[in-house]
N, C-alpha and C. Protein backbone atom coordinates (compact mmCIF):
# COMPACT_ATOMS: atom_id res chain seq x y z
N THR A 1 0.83 -1.30 -0.26
CA THR A 1 -0.03 0.06 0.21
C THR A 1 1.15 1.37 0.42
N GLY A 2 2.35 1.21 0.56
CA GLY A 2 3.01 2.29 0.36
C GLY A 2 3.56 2.66 1.64
N TRP A 3 4.11 3.88 1.61
CA TRP A 3 4.96 4.34 2.86
C TRP A 3 4.24 5.61 3.12
N TYR A 4 3.90 5.72 4.17
CA TYR A 4 3.33 6.89 4.88
C TYR A 4 3.97 7.98 6.21
N ASN A 5 3.96 8.55 5.89
CA ASN A 5 4.90 9.52 6.82
C ASN A 5 3.99 9.61 8.55
N ARG A 6 4.52 9.49 9.53
CA ARG A 6 3.81 9.55 10.64
C ARG A 6 4.75 10.13 11.71
N LEU A 7 4.03 10.90 12.46
CA LEU A 7 4.64 11.82 13.74
C LEU A 7 4.18 11.04 14.90
N PHE A 8 5.69 11.13 15.46
CA PHE A 8 5.44 10.41 16.82
C PHE A 8 5.66 11.71 17.61
N ILE A 9 4.76 11.39 18.99
CA ILE A 9 5.19 12.72 20.04
C ILE A 9 4.88 11.68 21.52
N ASN A 10 6.20 11.64 21.94
CA ASN A 10 6.59 11.18 23.28
C ASN A 10 6.67 12.07 24.76
N PHE A 11 5.96 12.06 25.31
CA PHE A 11 5.68 13.14 26.63
C PHE A 11 6.09 12.25 27.56
N ALA A 12 7.38 13.35 28.25
CA ALA A 12 7.89 12.47 29.51
C ALA A 12 7.42 13.27 30.61
N LEU A 13 6.65 12.85 31.40
CA LEU A 13 6.01 13.46 32.73
C LEU A 13 6.63 13.09 33.67
N ARG A 14 6.74 13.55 34.54
CA ARG A 14 7.30 13.22 35.87
C ARG A 14 6.80 14.40 37.12
N ARG A 15 6.62 13.81 38.35
CA ARG A 15 6.27 14.69 39.53
C ARG A 15 6.97 14.89 40.07
N HIS A 16 7.02 15.72 41.19
CA HIS A 16 8.16 16.21 42.04
C HIS A 16 7.36 15.95 43.47
N ILE A 17 7.59 14.55 43.88
CA ILE A 17 6.99 14.16 44.76
C ILE A 17 7.45 14.58 46.16
N PHE A 18 8.77 15.59 46.12
CA PHE A 18 8.57 16.04 47.57
C PHE A 18 8.34 17.40 47.85
N PHE A 19 7.46 17.62 46.99
CA PHE A 19 6.81 19.09 47.23
C PHE A 19 5.53 18.48 48.13
N PHE A 20 5.10 17.28 47.83
CA PHE A 20 3.50 16.77 48.46
C PHE A 20 4.14 16.33 49.57
N LEU A 21 5.50 15.86 49.87
CA LEU A 21 5.98 15.29 51.07
C LEU A 21 6.13 16.31 52.05
N LEU A 22 6.49 17.21 51.53
CA LEU A 22 7.07 18.44 52.21
C LEU A 22 5.85 19.66 52.83
N GLN A 23 4.62 19.42 52.28
CA GLN A 23 3.22 20.39 52.16
C GLN A 23 2.37 19.56 52.70
N SER A 24 2.23 18.28 52.96
CA SER A 24 1.09 17.58 53.49
C SER A 24 1.62 16.24 54.26
N TYR A 25 2.18 15.75 53.87
CA TYR A 25 2.73 14.05 54.40
C TYR A 25 3.19 14.48 55.89
N PHE A 26 4.33 15.02 55.87
CA PHE A 26 5.28 15.45 56.69
C PHE A 26 4.57 16.10 57.99
N PRO A 27 3.81 17.39 57.84
CA PRO A 27 3.21 17.75 58.47
C PRO A 27 1.91 17.39 59.24
N ALA A 28 1.55 16.27 58.84
CA ALA A 28 0.21 15.57 59.18
C ALA A 28 0.80 14.42 59.91
N MET A 29 1.84 13.79 59.48
CA MET A 29 3.02 13.10 60.32
C MET A 29 3.14 13.31 61.79
N LEU A 30 4.05 14.55 61.49
CA LEU A 30 4.09 15.32 62.75
C LEU A 30 2.88 15.91 63.66
N MET A 31 1.84 16.18 63.04
CA MET A 31 0.81 16.56 63.88
C MET A 31 0.34 15.16 64.92
N VAL A 32 0.33 13.77 64.04
CA VAL A 32 -0.33 12.88 64.79
C VAL A 32 0.75 12.24 65.40
N MET A 33 1.91 12.45 65.57
CA MET A 33 3.12 12.30 66.58
C MET A 33 2.80 13.28 67.98
N LEU A 34 2.69 14.44 67.73
CA LEU A 34 2.56 15.57 68.77
C LEU A 34 1.17 15.15 69.23
N SER A 35 0.06 14.91 68.63
CA SER A 35 -1.16 14.26 69.70
C SER A 35 -0.87 13.30 69.85
N TRP A 36 0.14 12.53 69.95
CA TRP A 36 0.35 11.33 71.03
C TRP A 36 1.13 11.96 72.49
N VAL A 37 1.60 12.89 72.31
CA VAL A 37 2.50 13.62 73.50
C VAL A 37 1.69 13.41 74.57
N SER A 38 0.40 13.84 74.41
CA SER A 38 -0.57 13.90 75.37
C SER A 38 -1.00 12.42 76.24
N PHE A 39 -0.65 11.30 75.32
CA PHE A 39 -0.45 10.10 76.58
C PHE A 39 0.49 10.19 77.30
N TRP A 40 1.42 10.78 77.79
CA TRP A 40 2.39 10.65 78.52
C TRP A 40 2.39 12.12 79.51
N ILE A 41 1.39 13.32 79.04
CA ILE A 41 1.37 13.92 80.14
C ILE A 41 0.09 13.51 81.24
N ASP A 42 0.40 13.58 82.58
CA ASP A 42 -0.44 13.45 83.40
C ASP A 42 -1.86 13.85 83.44
N ARG A 43 -2.66 12.73 83.92
CA ARG A 43 -4.49 12.80 83.37
C ARG A 43 -5.17 13.98 83.96
N ARG A 44 -3.93 14.47 85.15
CA ARG A 44 -5.14 15.33 85.94
C ARG A 44 -4.32 17.08 85.40
N ALA A 45 -3.46 16.94 84.45
CA ALA A 45 -2.87 18.45 83.78
C ALA A 45 -4.27 18.64 82.49
N VAL A 46 -5.31 18.61 82.93
CA VAL A 46 -6.05 18.88 82.06
C VAL A 46 -6.15 20.30 81.22
N PRO A 47 -5.52 21.50 81.68
CA PRO A 47 -5.29 22.43 80.34
C PRO A 47 -4.01 22.07 79.43
N ALA A 48 -3.34 21.26 80.23
CA ALA A 48 -1.99 21.19 79.15
C ALA A 48 -2.54 19.96 77.82
N ARG A 49 -3.14 19.10 78.49
CA ARG A 49 -3.91 17.94 77.59
C ARG A 49 -5.19 18.62 76.50
N VAL A 50 -5.89 19.18 76.90
CA VAL A 50 -7.07 19.81 76.02
C VAL A 50 -6.28 20.80 75.28
N SER A 51 -5.40 21.66 75.50
CA SER A 51 -4.96 22.63 74.64
C SER A 51 -4.21 21.91 73.31
N LEU A 52 -3.51 20.96 73.57
CA LEU A 52 -2.64 20.28 72.71
C LEU A 52 -3.53 19.52 71.88
N GLY A 53 -4.52 18.84 72.69
CA GLY A 53 -5.73 17.86 71.60
C GLY A 53 -6.19 19.10 70.78
N ILE A 54 -6.79 20.18 71.68
CA ILE A 54 -7.60 21.26 70.38
C ILE A 54 -6.40 21.68 68.96
N THR A 55 -4.95 22.07 69.82
CA THR A 55 -4.33 23.03 68.85
C THR A 55 -3.77 21.93 67.20
N THR A 56 -4.03 20.28 67.82
CA THR A 56 -3.57 19.40 67.23
C THR A 56 -4.59 19.11 65.83
N VAL A 57 -5.73 19.23 66.42
CA VAL A 57 -7.21 18.93 65.81
C VAL A 57 -7.12 20.22 64.63
N LEU A 58 -7.11 21.54 65.21
CA LEU A 58 -7.17 22.78 64.52
C LEU A 58 -6.36 22.87 63.54
N THR A 59 -4.97 22.28 63.41
CA THR A 59 -3.34 22.34 62.67
C THR A 59 -4.19 20.83 61.50
N MET A 60 -4.58 20.29 62.02
CA MET A 60 -4.83 18.84 60.74
C MET A 60 -6.34 19.57 60.09
N SER A 61 -6.95 19.85 60.26
CA SER A 61 -8.02 20.80 59.58
C SER A 61 -7.38 21.93 58.79
N THR A 62 -6.55 22.31 59.56
CA THR A 62 -5.63 23.45 58.34
C THR A 62 -5.06 23.17 57.36
N ILE A 63 -4.63 21.96 57.77
CA ILE A 63 -3.60 21.20 56.55
C ILE A 63 -4.16 20.39 55.35
N MET A 64 -5.77 19.90 56.11
CA MET A 64 -6.50 19.28 55.07
C MET A 64 -7.17 20.40 54.14
N THR A 65 -7.51 21.35 54.49
CA THR A 65 -8.04 22.44 53.84
C THR A 65 -6.98 23.22 52.66
N GLY A 66 -5.99 23.19 53.47
CA GLY A 66 -4.73 23.53 52.12
C GLY A 66 -4.51 22.79 51.57
N VAL A 67 -4.19 21.71 51.59
CA VAL A 67 -3.81 20.48 50.31
C VAL A 67 -5.37 20.47 49.48
N SER A 68 -6.52 20.20 50.08
CA SER A 68 -7.52 20.38 48.90
C SER A 68 -8.07 21.73 48.06
N ALA A 69 -7.27 22.64 48.65
CA ALA A 69 -7.66 23.99 48.05
C ALA A 69 -6.54 24.11 46.70
N SER A 70 -5.59 23.66 47.29
CA SER A 70 -4.30 23.19 46.15
C SER A 70 -4.03 22.27 45.06
N MET A 71 -5.21 21.50 45.29
CA MET A 71 -5.58 19.97 44.47
C MET A 71 -6.39 20.49 43.54
N PRO A 72 -6.54 19.88 42.31
CA PRO A 72 -7.99 20.32 41.25
C PRO A 72 -8.79 19.49 42.21
N GLN A 73 -10.12 19.91 41.92
CA GLN A 73 -11.26 19.19 42.41
C GLN A 73 -11.74 18.15 41.37
N VAL A 74 -11.82 17.13 41.89
CA VAL A 74 -12.22 15.90 41.12
C VAL A 74 -13.50 14.63 41.94
N SER A 75 -14.14 13.99 41.21
CA SER A 75 -15.01 13.53 41.86
C SER A 75 -14.82 12.20 42.25
N TYR A 76 -13.61 12.07 42.63
CA TYR A 76 -13.14 10.63 43.38
C TYR A 76 -12.06 10.89 44.47
N ILE A 77 -12.00 10.41 45.35
CA ILE A 77 -11.31 10.29 46.67
C ILE A 77 -9.99 10.05 46.18
N LYS A 78 -8.94 11.01 46.49
CA LYS A 78 -7.69 10.86 46.53
C LYS A 78 -6.77 10.12 47.43
N ALA A 79 -5.59 9.80 46.96
CA ALA A 79 -4.82 8.81 48.41
C ALA A 79 -4.63 10.19 49.25
N VAL A 80 -4.08 11.18 48.88
CA VAL A 80 -4.01 12.23 49.98
C VAL A 80 -4.87 12.59 50.87
N ASP A 81 -6.21 12.71 50.32
CA ASP A 81 -7.63 12.74 51.28
C ASP A 81 -7.09 11.41 52.46
N VAL A 82 -7.15 10.45 51.87
CA VAL A 82 -7.27 8.74 52.49
C VAL A 82 -6.41 9.37 53.72
N TYR A 83 -5.33 9.58 53.23
CA TYR A 83 -4.02 9.80 54.28
C TYR A 83 -4.37 10.73 55.28
N LEU A 84 -4.68 11.78 54.72
CA LEU A 84 -5.03 13.19 55.96
C LEU A 84 -6.40 13.18 56.79
N TRP A 85 -7.69 12.12 56.39
CA TRP A 85 -8.50 11.74 57.20
C TRP A 85 -8.22 10.72 58.09
N THR A 86 -7.16 9.95 57.57
CA THR A 86 -6.97 8.76 58.60
C THR A 86 -6.17 9.37 59.51
N SER A 87 -5.27 10.23 59.30
CA SER A 87 -4.32 11.13 60.28
C SER A 87 -4.99 12.00 61.10
N PHE A 88 -6.33 12.66 60.26
CA PHE A 88 -7.10 13.39 61.21
C PHE A 88 -7.98 12.40 62.35
N LEU A 89 -8.35 11.18 61.94
CA LEU A 89 -9.17 10.21 62.78
C LEU A 89 -8.03 9.82 63.98
N PHE A 90 -6.67 9.69 63.93
CA PHE A 90 -5.94 9.40 64.83
C PHE A 90 -5.55 10.66 65.92
N VAL A 91 -5.71 11.80 65.21
CA VAL A 91 -5.45 12.98 66.21
C VAL A 91 -6.77 13.18 66.79
N PHE A 92 -7.84 12.78 66.16
CA PHE A 92 -9.20 13.17 67.16
C PHE A 92 -9.37 12.32 67.84
N LEU A 93 -9.18 11.02 67.77
CA LEU A 93 -9.00 9.80 68.89
C LEU A 93 -8.31 9.86 69.63
N SER A 94 -7.00 10.59 69.57
CA SER A 94 -6.34 10.72 71.17
C SER A 94 -7.24 11.97 72.02
N VAL A 95 -7.44 12.96 71.47
CA VAL A 95 -8.30 13.79 72.08
C VAL A 95 -9.87 13.25 72.86
N ILE A 96 -10.71 12.00 72.13
CA ILE A 96 -11.35 11.20 73.16
C ILE A 96 -10.89 10.34 73.80
N GLU A 97 -9.65 9.99 73.45
CA GLU A 97 -9.49 8.90 74.43
C GLU A 97 -8.86 9.83 75.93
N TYR A 98 -8.67 10.75 75.84
CA TYR A 98 -8.43 12.24 77.30
C TYR A 98 -9.87 12.22 77.93
N ALA A 99 -10.50 12.29 76.83
CA ALA A 99 -11.99 12.43 77.79
C ALA A 99 -12.80 11.26 78.02
N ALA A 100 -12.01 9.97 77.57
CA ALA A 100 -12.61 8.80 78.15
C ALA A 100 -11.89 8.57 79.53
N VAL A 101 -10.50 8.75 79.30
CA VAL A 101 -9.65 8.41 80.49
C VAL A 101 -10.48 9.57 81.56
N ASN A 102 -10.43 10.71 81.25
CA ASN A 102 -10.70 11.23 82.46
C ASN A 102 -12.68 11.08 83.12
N TYR A 103 -13.19 10.43 82.33
CA TYR A 103 -14.46 10.11 82.69
C TYR A 103 -14.90 9.11 83.29
N LEU A 104 -13.57 8.03 83.16
CA LEU A 104 -13.68 6.82 83.79
C LEU A 104 -12.95 7.50 85.22
N THR A 105 -11.70 7.57 85.24
CA THR A 105 -10.89 8.15 86.45
C THR A 105 -12.08 8.95 87.46
N THR A 106 -12.78 9.56 87.25
CA THR A 106 -13.69 10.56 87.91
C THR A 106 -14.63 9.20 88.66
N ILE A 107 -15.00 8.61 87.78
CA ILE A 107 -16.14 7.26 88.41
C ILE A 107 -15.32 6.71 89.44
N GLU A 108 -13.99 6.04 89.14
CA GLU A 108 -13.53 5.32 90.05
C GLU A 108 -12.93 6.14 91.50
N GLU A 109 -12.69 7.32 91.22
CA GLU A 109 -12.52 8.05 92.28
C GLU A 109 -13.67 8.56 93.08
N ARG A 110 -15.04 8.51 92.68
CA ARG A 110 -16.05 8.76 93.23
C ARG A 110 -16.67 7.37 94.08
N ASN A 111 -16.26 6.31 93.38
CA ASN A 111 -16.23 5.11 93.71
C ASN A 111 -15.55 4.80 95.47
N GLN A 112 -14.28 5.29 95.30
CA GLN A 112 -13.60 4.96 95.92
C GLN A 112 -13.68 6.02 97.30
N LEU A 113 -14.27 7.08 96.88
CA LEU A 113 -14.71 8.04 98.05
C LEU A 113 -16.03 7.42 98.69
N LYS A 114 -16.78 7.17 98.05
CA LYS A 114 -18.26 6.00 98.45
C LYS A 114 -17.83 5.29 99.40
N LYS A 115 -16.51 4.53 99.14
CA LYS A 115 -16.24 3.02 99.86
C LYS A 115 -15.85 3.40 101.18
N ARG A 116 -15.15 4.35 101.11
CA ARG A 116 -14.26 4.92 102.28
C ARG A 116 -15.52 5.99 103.37
N GLY A 117 -16.31 6.49 102.72
CA GLY A 117 -17.33 6.97 103.34
C GLY A 117 -18.46 6.21 104.07
N LYS A 118 -18.27 5.23 103.57
CA LYS A 118 -19.25 3.77 104.56
C LYS A 118 -18.84 2.91 105.61
N VAL A 119 -17.21 2.91 105.00
CA VAL A 119 -16.17 2.04 106.31
C VAL A 119 -15.84 3.30 107.26
């Protein structure tokens, strides 16, 4: 049938992952680790634990908002969304853990006071 000229175009696309690591993954990881610091703070130090918990939750929500604003709007869930929501869940659960510990120790202290009062 003959020789036909064809034009070939080869696109080489590269993603610079360091930007995403520096802007979203590392700060989220640091916030999760910072929220774990509250596990080592004494349970009676209410202002320290509450302020640390609220700060980490607000910082995680700020990171999530910044990342979603810099990404294109798509109809599906991105991997960075899953990572950030999982990190947010860990941070939020550390705050809930303190609330549960505080509630349960308060009940335990009341029970001990009742036992001492009856004896």
